[in-house]
Amino acid sequence: MSWMVTGGAGYIGSHVVRALTDGGIDAVVLDDLSSGFEQFIPAGVPFVKASILETDKVREALIEHGVQGVIHCAGYKYAGESVRLPIHTYRQNVEGTACLLEAMADAGVTQLVFSSSAGVYGTPDVEIVNETTPTTPESPYGESKLIGEWLIRDQVKATAESDAPLRATSLRYFNVVGSGTPEVYDASPHNLFPKVIRAIKAGQAPLIFGDDYDTADGTCVRDYVHVQDLAHSHVAAARMLDAGRPLAPVYNLGSGDGTSVKEIVGSLLEAAGSDLEPVVKDRRPGDPARIVARGELAADDIEWKMAHTIEEMAASAWAAAPDES
């Protein structure tokens, strides 16, 4: 028996795969390589090149590999770009999740951990969100993740009295950073860490947008979590489901206090040994001063813990980042 990781050739998914295998759990990867890399998949882990939209292929893979549960990391994860590409975003994240649920039902797979997003909260009117904070997503990406949660919730209800009831939970988080292995790095063209790292490697000053917010150092405060800590709780949730333990429908994986953009940029410059000075630009429209998530519920139920400092996140990200010609 094994667990399938959709999107398992991506930055987050490949860390989840490693966390599974390190814990003695067989893993199988399903990925279309649209944003992932086959070299991110650990040696010896079965790989199925397919999209979650290909229901028949997903069903066949679930049956062929004796899959007992799925950790669903696949999806289009770019909030800003989703505004420009809403149809693509909904197809990948909403239709894709529906196709996966259909394939799981056909194959009799009844356990699911969904990699959701704290983007479902939009710009909340509180500085620290918890699982009961109203969901008001502000991008097609955030909306698509929330609809994915609804699809899963409704499938749980629909199968509750059947012979194969679905048991599932969704994990919400903001900014995933760092690396748990030198072989895997964040390749996103949009995320803060790789953007700053690329600038430093090119000898260019990293940019900070706004330093006059109502925060300790004037720059935006956000929640940054290490990808390895995140992967550990995905696997812990899978173990709890496998053991028949009751889990909440959603969990926040958050730091509870957050880190400023200035602190992040400073940590990356220190990790690089660079004396570049960041350049402050005007605020970007719509950037709230502070958004941070609590993680107490996840700490109680799925072993959530911030085991890495910001300095360790920065150092591991810098060490894994490739040189670009």
C-alpha atoms as a PDB file:
ATOM      1  CA  MET A   1       0.000   0.000   0.000  1.00  0.00           C
ATOM      2  CA  SER A   2       1.138   3.538  -0.717  1.00  0.00           C
ATOM      3  CA  TRP A   3       0.177   7.208  -0.743  1.00  0.00           C
ATOM      4  CA  MET A   4      -0.030   9.173  -3.968  1.00  0.00           C
ATOM      5  CA  VAL A   5       1.267  12.745  -4.065  1.00  0.00           C
ATOM      6  CA  THR A   6      -0.274  14.758  -6.887  1.00  0.00           C
ATOM      7  CA  GLY A   7       2.122  17.461  -7.973  1.00  0.00           C
ATOM      8  CA  GLY A   8       4.871  15.377  -6.400  1.00  0.00           C
ATOM      9  CA  ALA A   9       7.507  16.701  -8.811  1.00  0.00           C
ATOM     10  CA  GLY A  10       6.959  20.260  -7.606  1.00  0.00           C
ATOM     11  CA  TYR A  11       8.672  22.226  -4.881  1.00  0.00           C
ATOM     12  CA  ILE A  12       6.224  21.426  -2.081  1.00  0.00           C
ATOM     13  CA  GLY A  13       5.107  18.050  -3.403  1.00  0.00           C
ATOM     14  CA  SER A  14       8.611  16.639  -3.716  1.00  0.00           C
ATOM     15  CA  HIS A  15       9.309  17.573  -0.088  1.00  0.00           C
ATOM     16  CA  VAL A  16       6.117  15.745   0.898  1.00  0.00           C
ATOM     17  CA  VAL A  17       7.310  12.696  -1.036  1.00  0.00           C
ATOM     18  CA  ARG A  18      10.604  12.744   0.859  1.00  0.00           C
ATOM     19  CA  ALA A  19       8.786  13.103   4.170  1.00  0.00           C
ATOM     20  CA  LEU A  20       6.665  10.056   3.321  1.00  0.00           C
ATOM     21  CA  THR A  21       9.589   7.865   2.316  1.00  0.00           C
ATOM     22  CA  ASP A  22      11.697   9.055   5.265  1.00  0.00           C
ATOM     23  CA  GLY A  23       8.812   7.922   7.462  1.00  0.00           C
ATOM     24  CA  GLY A  24       8.740   4.461   5.908  1.00  0.00           C
ATOM     25  CA  ILE A  25       5.636   5.095   3.788  1.00  0.00           C
ATOM     26  CA  ASP A  26       5.654   4.065   0.136  1.00  0.00           C
ATOM     27  CA  ALA A  27       4.933   6.967  -2.207  1.00  0.00           C
ATOM     28  CA  VAL A  28       3.924   7.328  -5.843  1.00  0.00           C
ATOM     29  CA  VAL A  29       4.091  10.623  -7.729  1.00  0.00           C
ATOM     30  CA  LEU A  30       1.543  11.860 -10.251  1.00  0.00           C
ATOM     31  CA  ASP A  31       2.578  15.042 -12.056  1.00  0.00           C
ATOM     32  CA  ASP A  32       2.252  16.515 -15.555  1.00  0.00           C
ATOM     33  CA  LEU A  33       5.563  18.409 -15.180  1.00  0.00           C
ATOM     34  CA  SER A  34       3.919  21.694 -16.163  1.00  0.00           C
ATOM     35  CA  SER A  35       5.765  23.375 -13.284  1.00  0.00           C
ATOM     36  CA  GLY A  36       7.543  20.452 -11.628  1.00  0.00           C
ATOM     37  CA  PHE A  37      10.805  18.707 -12.457  1.00  0.00           C
ATOM     38  CA  GLU A  38      11.315  14.990 -12.780  1.00  0.00           C
ATOM     39  CA  GLN A  39      14.732  15.334 -11.124  1.00  0.00           C
ATOM     40  CA  PHE A  40      12.972  16.523  -7.949  1.00  0.00           C
ATOM     41  CA  ILE A  41      11.473  13.034  -7.505  1.00  0.00           C
ATOM     42  CA  PRO A  42      13.627  10.810  -5.264  1.00  0.00           C
ATOM     43  CA  ALA A  43      15.199   7.767  -6.884  1.00  0.00           C
ATOM     44  CA  GLY A  44      13.074   4.651  -6.668  1.00  0.00           C
ATOM     45  CA  VAL A  45       9.738   6.448  -6.247  1.00  0.00           C
ATOM     46  CA  PRO A  46       7.256   5.440  -8.978  1.00  0.00           C
ATOM     47  CA  PHE A  47       6.339   8.310 -11.290  1.00  0.00           C
ATOM     48  CA  VAL A  48       3.179   8.608 -13.350  1.00  0.00           C
ATOM     49  CA  LYS A  49       3.311  11.445 -15.874  1.00  0.00           C
ATOM     50  CA  ALA A  50      -0.295  12.582 -16.070  1.00  0.00           C
ATOM     51  CA  SER A  51      -2.556  15.486 -15.250  1.00  0.00           C
ATOM     52  CA  ILE A  52      -5.161  15.277 -12.510  1.00  0.00           C
ATOM     53  CA  LEU A  53      -7.600  16.267 -15.256  1.00  0.00           C
ATOM     54  CA  GLU A  54      -7.017  12.868 -16.872  1.00  0.00           C
ATOM     55  CA  THR A  55      -9.457  10.936 -14.704  1.00  0.00           C
ATOM     56  CA  ASP A  56      -8.875   7.571 -16.378  1.00  0.00           C
ATOM     57  CA  LYS A  57      -5.092   7.769 -15.967  1.00  0.00           C
ATOM     58  CA  VAL A  58      -5.424   8.844 -12.336  1.00  0.00           C
ATOM     59  CA  ARG A  59      -7.833   5.982 -11.623  1.00  0.00           C
ATOM     60  CA  GLU A  60      -5.501   3.480 -13.271  1.00  0.00           C
ATOM     61  CA  ALA A  61      -2.515   4.753 -11.283  1.00  0.00           C
ATOM     62  CA  LEU A  62      -4.421   4.563  -7.993  1.00  0.00           C
ATOM     63  CA  ILE A  63      -5.370   0.950  -8.666  1.00  0.00           C
ATOM     64  CA  GLU A  64      -2.028  -0.138 -10.140  1.00  0.00           C
ATOM     65  CA  HIS A  65      -0.024   1.166  -7.189  1.00  0.00           C
ATOM     66  CA  GLY A  66      -2.417   0.041  -4.460  1.00  0.00           C
ATOM     67  CA  VAL A  67      -2.885   3.597  -3.242  1.00  0.00           C
ATOM     68  CA  GLN A  68      -4.588   3.970   0.139  1.00  0.00           C
ATOM     69  CA  GLY A  69      -4.632   7.759   0.280  1.00  0.00           C
ATOM     70  CA  VAL A  70      -3.787  10.903  -1.657  1.00  0.00           C
ATOM     71  CA  ILE A  71      -1.936  14.066  -0.662  1.00  0.00           C
ATOM     72  CA  HIS A  72      -3.210  16.544  -3.230  1.00  0.00           C
ATOM     73  CA  CYS A  73      -0.547  19.173  -3.946  1.00  0.00           C
ATOM     74  CA  ALA A  74      -1.129  19.609  -7.681  1.00  0.00           C
ATOM     75  CA  GLY A  75      -2.549  22.888  -8.876  1.00  0.00           C
ATOM     76  CA  TYR A  76      -1.940  26.295 -10.388  1.00  0.00           C
ATOM     77  CA  LYS A  77      -0.503  28.240  -7.460  1.00  0.00           C
ATOM     78  CA  TYR A  78       0.090  31.777  -8.706  1.00  0.00           C
ATOM     79  CA  ALA A  79      -2.416  34.173  -7.128  1.00  0.00           C
ATOM     80  CA  GLY A  80      -1.373  37.216  -9.146  1.00  0.00           C
ATOM     81  CA  GLU A  81      -1.285  35.356 -12.438  1.00  0.00           C
ATOM     82  CA  SER A  82      -4.659  33.779 -11.702  1.00  0.00           C
ATOM     83  CA  VAL A  83      -6.267  37.201 -12.171  1.00  0.00           C
ATOM     84  CA  ARG A  84      -4.947  37.173 -15.736  1.00  0.00           C
ATOM     85  CA  LEU A  85      -5.725  33.482 -16.279  1.00  0.00           C
ATOM     86  CA  PRO A  86      -8.939  32.705 -14.372  1.00  0.00           C
ATOM     87  CA  ILE A  87     -10.201  29.996 -16.720  1.00  0.00           C
ATOM     88  CA  HIS A  88      -6.894  28.137 -16.580  1.00  0.00           C
ATOM     89  CA  THR A  89      -6.818  28.493 -12.793  1.00  0.00           C
ATOM     90  CA  TYR A  90     -10.325  27.136 -12.328  1.00  0.00           C
ATOM     91  CA  ARG A  91      -9.707  24.287 -14.743  1.00  0.00           C
ATOM     92  CA  GLN A  92      -6.575  23.157 -12.955  1.00  0.00           C
ATOM     93  CA  ASN A  93      -7.689  23.708  -9.367  1.00  0.00           C
ATOM     94  CA  VAL A  94     -11.448  23.149  -9.416  1.00  0.00           C
ATOM     95  CA  GLU A  95     -12.041  20.779 -12.304  1.00  0.00           C
ATOM     96  CA  GLY A  96      -8.792  18.998 -11.459  1.00  0.00           C
ATOM     97  CA  THR A  97      -9.887  18.386  -7.860  1.00  0.00           C
ATOM     98  CA  ALA A  98     -13.285  17.138  -9.064  1.00  0.00           C
ATOM     99  CA  CYS A  99     -11.561  14.723 -11.463  1.00  0.00           C
ATOM    100  CA  LEU A 100      -9.301  13.483  -8.674  1.00  0.00           C
ATOM    101  CA  LEU A 101     -12.255  12.892  -6.350  1.00  0.00           C
ATOM    102  CA  GLU A 102     -14.048  10.979  -9.098  1.00  0.00           C
ATOM    103  CA  ALA A 103     -11.000   8.793  -9.733  1.00  0.00           C
ATOM    104  CA  MET A 104     -10.573   8.153  -6.007  1.00  0.00           C
ATOM    105  CA  ALA A 105     -14.213   7.123  -5.648  1.00  0.00           C
ATOM    106  CA  ASP A 106     -13.946   4.763  -8.625  1.00  0.00           C
ATOM    107  CA  ALA A 107     -10.755   3.222  -7.213  1.00  0.00           C
ATOM    108  CA  GLY A 108     -12.079   2.946  -3.660  1.00  0.00           C
ATOM    109  CA  VAL A 109      -9.457   5.332  -2.221  1.00  0.00           C
ATOM    110  CA  THR A 110     -10.941   6.953   0.863  1.00  0.00           C
ATOM    111  CA  GLN A 111      -8.287   9.212   2.433  1.00  0.00           C
ATOM    112  CA  LEU A 112      -7.296  12.682   1.258  1.00  0.00           C
ATOM    113  CA  VAL A 113      -5.044  15.473   2.512  1.00  0.00           C
ATOM    114  CA  PHE A 114      -5.651  18.640   0.477  1.00  0.00           C
ATOM    115  CA  SER A 115      -2.923  21.249   0.119  1.00  0.00           C
ATOM    116  CA  SER A 116      -5.084  24.365   0.301  1.00  0.00           C
ATOM    117  CA  SER A 117      -4.082  27.984   0.899  1.00  0.00           C
ATOM    118  CA  ALA A 118      -4.488  30.764   3.411  1.00  0.00           C
ATOM    119  CA  GLY A 119      -5.343  32.791   0.303  1.00  0.00           C
ATOM    120  CA  VAL A 120      -8.931  31.715   1.008  1.00  0.00           C
ATOM    121  CA  TYR A 121      -8.995  34.460   3.676  1.00  0.00           C
ATOM    122  CA  GLY A 122      -8.295  37.282   1.229  1.00  0.00           C
ATOM    123  CA  THR A 123      -7.479  40.435   3.190  1.00  0.00           C
ATOM    124  CA  PRO A 124      -9.116  39.743   6.549  1.00  0.00           C
ATOM    125  CA  ASP A 125     -10.053  42.481   9.004  1.00  0.00           C
ATOM    126  CA  VAL A 126      -7.914  40.838  11.677  1.00  0.00           C
ATOM    127  CA  GLU A 127      -4.119  40.671  11.854  1.00  0.00           C
ATOM    128  CA  ILE A 128      -4.025  37.013  12.886  1.00  0.00           C
ATOM    129  CA  VAL A 129      -6.409  34.546  11.261  1.00  0.00           C
ATOM    130  CA  ASN A 130      -7.684  31.269  12.663  1.00  0.00           C
ATOM    131  CA  GLU A 131      -9.812  28.513  11.177  1.00  0.00           C
ATOM    132  CA  THR A 132     -13.053  30.384  11.944  1.00  0.00           C
ATOM    133  CA  THR A 133     -11.979  33.637  10.254  1.00  0.00           C
ATOM    134  CA  PRO A 134     -14.417  34.378   7.387  1.00  0.00           C
ATOM    135  CA  THR A 135     -13.192  33.261   3.971  1.00  0.00           C
ATOM    136  CA  THR A 136     -13.223  36.131   1.476  1.00  0.00           C
ATOM    137  CA  PRO A 137     -10.720  35.234  -1.269  1.00  0.00           C
ATOM    138  CA  GLU A 138      -9.667  38.062  -3.573  1.00  0.00           C
ATOM    139  CA  SER A 139      -8.190  36.177  -6.525  1.00  0.00           C
ATOM    140  CA  PRO A 140      -9.291  33.312  -8.744  1.00  0.00           C
ATOM    141  CA  TYR A 141      -6.525  31.292  -7.078  1.00  0.00           C
ATOM    142  CA  GLY A 142      -7.915  31.818  -3.572  1.00  0.00           C
ATOM    143  CA  GLU A 143     -11.436  31.212  -4.837  1.00  0.00           C
ATOM    144  CA  SER A 144     -10.404  27.996  -6.572  1.00  0.00           C
ATOM    145  CA  LYS A 145      -8.786  26.657  -3.398  1.00  0.00           C
ATOM    146  CA  LEU A 146     -11.906  27.430  -1.378  1.00  0.00           C
ATOM    147  CA  ILE A 147     -14.099  25.713  -3.964  1.00  0.00           C
ATOM    148  CA  GLY A 148     -11.738  22.734  -3.785  1.00  0.00           C
ATOM    149  CA  GLU A 149     -12.383  22.581  -0.040  1.00  0.00           C
ATOM    150  CA  TRP A 150     -16.136  22.727  -0.714  1.00  0.00           C
ATOM    151  CA  LEU A 151     -15.905  19.888  -3.233  1.00  0.00           C
ATOM    152  CA  ILE A 152     -14.070  17.744  -0.707  1.00  0.00           C
ATOM    153  CA  ARG A 153     -16.525  18.659   2.062  1.00  0.00           C
ATOM    154  CA  ASP A 154     -19.482  17.721  -0.124  1.00  0.00           C
ATOM    155  CA  GLN A 155     -17.901  14.419  -1.191  1.00  0.00           C
ATOM    156  CA  VAL A 156     -17.283  13.590   2.479  1.00  0.00           C
ATOM    157  CA  LYS A 157     -20.986  14.205   3.168  1.00  0.00           C
ATOM    158  CA  ALA A 158     -22.138  12.311   0.079  1.00  0.00           C
ATOM    159  CA  THR A 159     -20.144   9.184   0.941  1.00  0.00           C
ATOM    160  CA  ALA A 160     -20.661   9.234   4.713  1.00  0.00           C
ATOM    161  CA  GLU A 161     -23.188   6.387   4.726  1.00  0.00           C
ATOM    162  CA  SER A 162     -21.560   4.393   1.929  1.00  0.00           C
ATOM    163  CA  ASP A 163     -19.275   1.384   2.124  1.00  0.00           C
ATOM    164  CA  ALA A 164     -16.300   3.613   1.298  1.00  0.00           C
ATOM    165  CA  PRO A 165     -16.697   6.958   3.121  1.00  0.00           C
ATOM    166  CA  LEU A 166     -14.175   9.623   2.238  1.00  0.00           C
ATOM    167  CA  ARG A 167     -12.133  11.008   5.138  1.00  0.00           C
ATOM    168  CA  ALA A 168     -10.277  14.227   4.415  1.00  0.00           C
ATOM    169  CA  THR A 169      -8.689  17.376   5.754  1.00  0.00           C
ATOM    170  CA  SER A 170      -7.421  20.595   4.145  1.00  0.00           C
ATOM    171  CA  LEU A 171      -4.254  22.456   5.161  1.00  0.00           C
ATOM    172  CA  ARG A 172      -4.114  26.232   4.704  1.00  0.00           C
ATOM    173  CA  TYR A 173      -0.849  28.185   4.681  1.00  0.00           C
ATOM    174  CA  PHE A 174       0.697  31.352   3.284  1.00  0.00           C
ATOM    175  CA  ASN A 175       4.332  31.563   2.175  1.00  0.00           C
ATOM    176  CA  VAL A 176       6.368  28.364   1.909  1.00  0.00           C
ATOM    177  CA  VAL A 177      10.130  28.874   1.796  1.00  0.00           C
ATOM    178  CA  GLY A 178      13.488  27.206   2.317  1.00  0.00           C
ATOM    179  CA  SER A 179      14.643  23.774   1.271  1.00  0.00           C
ATOM    180  CA  GLY A 180      14.996  20.461   3.037  1.00  0.00           C
ATOM    181  CA  THR A 181      17.487  19.106   0.513  1.00  0.00           C
ATOM    182  CA  PRO A 182      19.995  20.708  -1.887  1.00  0.00           C
ATOM    183  CA  GLU A 183      18.310  18.884  -4.785  1.00  0.00           C
ATOM    184  CA  VAL A 184      15.018  20.804  -4.533  1.00  0.00           C
ATOM    185  CA  TYR A 185      14.421  24.542  -4.726  1.00  0.00           C
ATOM    186  CA  ASP A 186      11.572  26.982  -5.259  1.00  0.00           C
ATOM    187  CA  ALA A 187      11.542  27.670  -8.995  1.00  0.00           C
ATOM    188  CA  SER A 188       8.584  30.074  -8.950  1.00  0.00           C
ATOM    189  CA  PRO A 189       9.074  33.286 -10.934  1.00  0.00           C
ATOM    190  CA  HIS A 190       6.672  35.091  -8.583  1.00  0.00           C
ATOM    191  CA  ASN A 191       7.560  34.167  -4.967  1.00  0.00           C
ATOM    192  CA  LEU A 192       9.589  36.526  -2.759  1.00  0.00           C
ATOM    193  CA  PHE A 193      12.471  34.196  -1.846  1.00  0.00           C
ATOM    194  CA  PRO A 194      13.445  33.154  -5.401  1.00  0.00           C
ATOM    195  CA  LYS A 195      12.955  36.721  -6.683  1.00  0.00           C
ATOM    196  CA  VAL A 196      15.321  38.116  -4.056  1.00  0.00           C
ATOM    197  CA  ILE A 197      17.818  35.286  -4.578  1.00  0.00           C
ATOM    198  CA  ARG A 198      17.840  35.833  -8.355  1.00  0.00           C
ATOM    199  CA  ALA A 199      18.456  39.550  -7.834  1.00  0.00           C
ATOM    200  CA  ILE A 200      21.358  38.909  -5.458  1.00  0.00           C
ATOM    201  CA  LYS A 201      22.949  36.375  -7.793  1.00  0.00           C
ATOM    202  CA  ALA A 202      22.676  38.923 -10.610  1.00  0.00           C
ATOM    203  CA  GLY A 203      24.319  41.594  -8.436  1.00  0.00           C
ATOM    204  CA  GLN A 204      21.108  43.637  -8.340  1.00  0.00           C
ATOM    205  CA  ALA A 205      19.600  45.241  -5.264  1.00  0.00           C
ATOM    206  CA  PRO A 206      16.478  43.403  -4.041  1.00  0.00           C
ATOM    207  CA  LEU A 207      13.290  45.461  -3.986  1.00  0.00           C
ATOM    208  CA  ILE A 208      11.011  46.221  -1.041  1.00  0.00           C
ATOM    209  CA  PHE A 209       7.605  47.670  -1.826  1.00  0.00           C
ATOM    210  CA  GLY A 210       6.700  50.157   0.901  1.00  0.00           C
ATOM    211  CA  ASP A 211       8.417  50.881   4.221  1.00  0.00           C
ATOM    212  CA  ASP A 212       5.738  53.074   5.789  1.00  0.00           C
ATOM    213  CA  TYR A 213       3.274  50.447   6.988  1.00  0.00           C
ATOM    214  CA  ASP A 214       2.076  50.301  10.593  1.00  0.00           C
ATOM    215  CA  THR A 215       4.529  47.538  11.521  1.00  0.00           C
ATOM    216  CA  ALA A 216       7.685  47.431  13.638  1.00  0.00           C
ATOM    217  CA  ASP A 217      10.042  48.264  10.748  1.00  0.00           C
ATOM    218  CA  GLY A 218       7.522  49.743   8.323  1.00  0.00           C
ATOM    219  CA  THR A 219       7.481  46.816   5.881  1.00  0.00           C
ATOM    220  CA  CYS A 220       4.720  44.254   5.378  1.00  0.00           C
ATOM    221  CA  VAL A 221       4.578  41.331   7.781  1.00  0.00           C
ATOM    222  CA  ARG A 222       3.705  37.920   6.411  1.00  0.00           C
ATOM    223  CA  ASP A 223       3.692  34.280   7.497  1.00  0.00           C
ATOM    224  CA  TYR A 224       6.712  32.310   6.263  1.00  0.00           C
ATOM    225  CA  VAL A 225       6.973  28.582   6.992  1.00  0.00           C
ATOM    226  CA  HIS A 226       9.731  26.137   6.117  1.00  0.00           C
ATOM    227  CA  VAL A 227       8.781  23.650   3.426  1.00  0.00           C
ATOM    228  CA  GLN A 228      10.135  20.723   5.450  1.00  0.00           C
ATOM    229  CA  ASP A 229       7.988  21.621   8.471  1.00  0.00           C
ATOM    230  CA  LEU A 230       5.008  21.895   6.130  1.00  0.00           C
ATOM    231  CA  ALA A 231       5.729  18.512   4.548  1.00  0.00           C
ATOM    232  CA  HIS A 232       5.983  16.882   7.970  1.00  0.00           C
ATOM    233  CA  SER A 233       2.455  17.963   8.909  1.00  0.00           C
ATOM    234  CA  HIS A 234       1.053  16.782   5.570  1.00  0.00           C
ATOM    235  CA  VAL A 235       2.438  13.347   6.359  1.00  0.00           C
ATOM    236  CA  ALA A 236       1.277  13.522   9.985  1.00  0.00           C
ATOM    237  CA  ALA A 237      -2.242  14.254   8.718  1.00  0.00           C
ATOM    238  CA  ALA A 238      -2.023  11.253   6.394  1.00  0.00           C
ATOM    239  CA  ARG A 239      -0.929   9.048   9.286  1.00  0.00           C
ATOM    240  CA  MET A 240      -3.837  10.270  11.425  1.00  0.00           C
ATOM    241  CA  LEU A 241      -6.332   9.540   8.677  1.00  0.00           C
ATOM    242  CA  ASP A 242      -4.791   6.111   8.134  1.00  0.00           C
ATOM    243  CA  ALA A 243      -5.114   5.380  11.857  1.00  0.00           C
ATOM    244  CA  GLY A 244      -8.784   6.356  11.838  1.00  0.00           C
ATOM    245  CA  ARG A 245      -8.211   9.435  13.984  1.00  0.00           C
ATOM    246  CA  PRO A 246     -10.792  12.222  13.653  1.00  0.00           C
ATOM    247  CA  LEU A 247      -9.438  15.385  12.051  1.00  0.00           C
ATOM    248  CA  ALA A 248     -10.917  18.834  11.574  1.00  0.00           C
ATOM    249  CA  PRO A 249     -12.005  19.785   8.041  1.00  0.00           C
ATOM    250  CA  VAL A 250      -9.346  22.537   7.867  1.00  0.00           C
ATOM    251  CA  TYR A 251      -6.135  23.507   9.640  1.00  0.00           C
ATOM    252  CA  ASN A 252      -3.952  26.603   9.436  1.00  0.00           C
ATOM    253  CA  LEU A 253      -0.222  25.996   9.292  1.00  0.00           C
ATOM    254  CA  GLY A 254       1.003  29.337  10.551  1.00  0.00           C
ATOM    255  CA  SER A 255       3.739  30.923  12.632  1.00  0.00           C
ATOM    256  CA  GLY A 256       1.431  32.989  14.834  1.00  0.00           C
ATOM    257  CA  ASP A 257       3.679  36.056  14.670  1.00  0.00           C
ATOM    258  CA  GLY A 258       5.063  36.526  11.154  1.00  0.00           C
ATOM    259  CA  THR A 259       8.199  38.103   9.706  1.00  0.00           C
ATOM    260  CA  SER A 260       8.642  41.412   7.911  1.00  0.00           C
ATOM    261  CA  VAL A 261       9.779  41.722   4.316  1.00  0.00           C
ATOM    262  CA  LYS A 262      12.797  43.730   5.501  1.00  0.00           C
ATOM    263  CA  GLU A 263      13.784  40.886   7.849  1.00  0.00           C
ATOM    264  CA  ILE A 264      13.401  38.337   5.057  1.00  0.00           C
ATOM    265  CA  VAL A 265      15.511  40.327   2.615  1.00  0.00           C
ATOM    266  CA  GLY A 266      18.150  40.914   5.311  1.00  0.00           C
ATOM    267  CA  SER A 267      18.325  37.201   6.117  1.00  0.00           C
ATOM    268  CA  LEU A 268      18.785  36.304   2.448  1.00  0.00           C
ATOM    269  CA  LEU A 269      21.499  38.934   2.000  1.00  0.00           C
ATOM    270  CA  GLU A 270      23.268  37.566   5.077  1.00  0.00           C
ATOM    271  CA  ALA A 271      22.977  33.980   3.785  1.00  0.00           C
ATOM    272  CA  ALA A 272      24.508  35.117   0.504  1.00  0.00           C
ATOM    273  CA  GLY A 273      27.281  37.082   2.199  1.00  0.00           C
ATOM    274  CA  SER A 274      26.176  40.084   0.152  1.00  0.00           C
ATOM    275  CA  ASP A 275      26.597  43.755   1.029  1.00  0.00           C
ATOM    276  CA  LEU A 276      23.896  44.899  -1.418  1.00  0.00           C
ATOM    277  CA  GLU A 277      21.410  47.378  -0.007  1.00  0.00           C
ATOM    278  CA  PRO A 278      17.717  46.782  -0.744  1.00  0.00           C
ATOM    279  CA  VAL A 279      15.886  49.489  -2.675  1.00  0.00           C
ATOM    280  CA  VAL A 280      12.544  50.692  -1.360  1.00  0.00           C
ATOM    281  CA  LYS A 281       9.817  51.320  -3.933  1.00  0.00           C
ATOM    282  CA  ASP A 282       6.296  52.646  -3.538  1.00  0.00           C
ATOM    283  CA  ARG A 283       3.657  50.434  -1.972  1.00  0.00           C
ATOM    284  CA  ARG A 284       1.835  48.032  -4.246  1.00  0.00           C
ATOM    285  CA  PRO A 285      -1.962  48.424  -4.341  1.00  0.00           C
ATOM    286  CA  GLY A 286      -3.820  45.999  -2.086  1.00  0.00           C
ATOM    287  CA  ASP A 287      -0.895  44.884   0.082  1.00  0.00           C
ATOM    288  CA  PRO A 288      -2.172  44.706   3.679  1.00  0.00           C
ATOM    289  CA  ALA A 289       0.255  45.618   6.454  1.00  0.00           C
ATOM    290  CA  ARG A 290       0.081  42.289   8.248  1.00  0.00           C
ATOM    291  CA  ILE A 291      -1.444  38.866   7.638  1.00  0.00           C
ATOM    292  CA  VAL A 292      -0.448  35.981   9.896  1.00  0.00           C
ATOM    293  CA  ALA A 293      -2.127  32.663  10.693  1.00  0.00           C
ATOM    294  CA  ARG A 294      -2.389  30.808  13.974  1.00  0.00           C
ATOM    295  CA  GLY A 295      -1.346  27.163  14.085  1.00  0.00           C
ATOM    296  CA  GLU A 296      -2.428  25.932  17.515  1.00  0.00           C
ATOM    297  CA  LEU A 297      -5.096  23.543  16.243  1.00  0.00           C
ATOM    298  CA  ALA A 298      -2.660  21.941  13.810  1.00  0.00           C
ATOM    299  CA  ALA A 299      -0.040  21.721  16.556  1.00  0.00           C
ATOM    300  CA  ASP A 300      -2.501  19.714  18.649  1.00  0.00           C
ATOM    301  CA  ASP A 301      -3.688  17.365  15.893  1.00  0.00           C
ATOM    302  CA  ILE A 302      -1.086  16.996  13.131  1.00  0.00           C
ATOM    303  CA  GLU A 303       2.282  17.726  14.751  1.00  0.00           C
ATOM    304  CA  TRP A 304       2.597  21.226  13.303  1.00  0.00           C
ATOM    305  CA  LYS A 305       5.713  22.983  14.559  1.00  0.00           C
ATOM    306  CA  MET A 306       7.912  25.810  13.324  1.00  0.00           C
ATOM    307  CA  ALA A 307      11.136  23.853  13.672  1.00  0.00           C
ATOM    308  CA  HIS A 308      13.221  26.191  11.494  1.00  0.00           C
ATOM    309  CA  THR A 309      14.190  29.797  12.137  1.00  0.00           C
ATOM    310  CA  ILE A 310      13.993  32.490   9.469  1.00  0.00           C
ATOM    311  CA  GLU A 311      17.803  32.377   9.263  1.00  0.00           C
ATOM    312  CA  GLU A 312      17.664  28.632   8.585  1.00  0.00           C
ATOM    313  CA  MET A 313      14.939  29.138   5.987  1.00  0.00           C
ATOM    314  CA  ALA A 314      17.076  31.741   4.209  1.00  0.00           C
ATOM    315  CA  ALA A 315      20.297  29.723   4.413  1.00  0.00           C
ATOM    316  CA  SER A 316      18.667  26.542   3.077  1.00  0.00           C
ATOM    317  CA  ALA A 317      16.968  28.431   0.241  1.00  0.00           C
ATOM    318  CA  TRP A 318      20.227  30.091  -0.767  1.00  0.00           C
ATOM    319  CA  ALA A 319      22.171  26.809  -0.627  1.00  0.00           C
ATOM    320  CA  ALA A 320      19.671  25.032  -2.887  1.00  0.00           C
ATOM    321  CA  ALA A 321      19.140  27.853  -5.392  1.00  0.00           C
ATOM    322  CA  PRO A 322      20.649  27.121  -8.818  1.00  0.00           C
ATOM    323  CA  ASP A 323      23.015  29.457 -10.602  1.00  0.00           C
ATOM    324  CA  GLU A 324      21.284  30.897 -13.650  1.00  0.00           C
ATOM    325  CA  SER A 325      23.248  31.717 -16.752  1.00  0.00           C
END
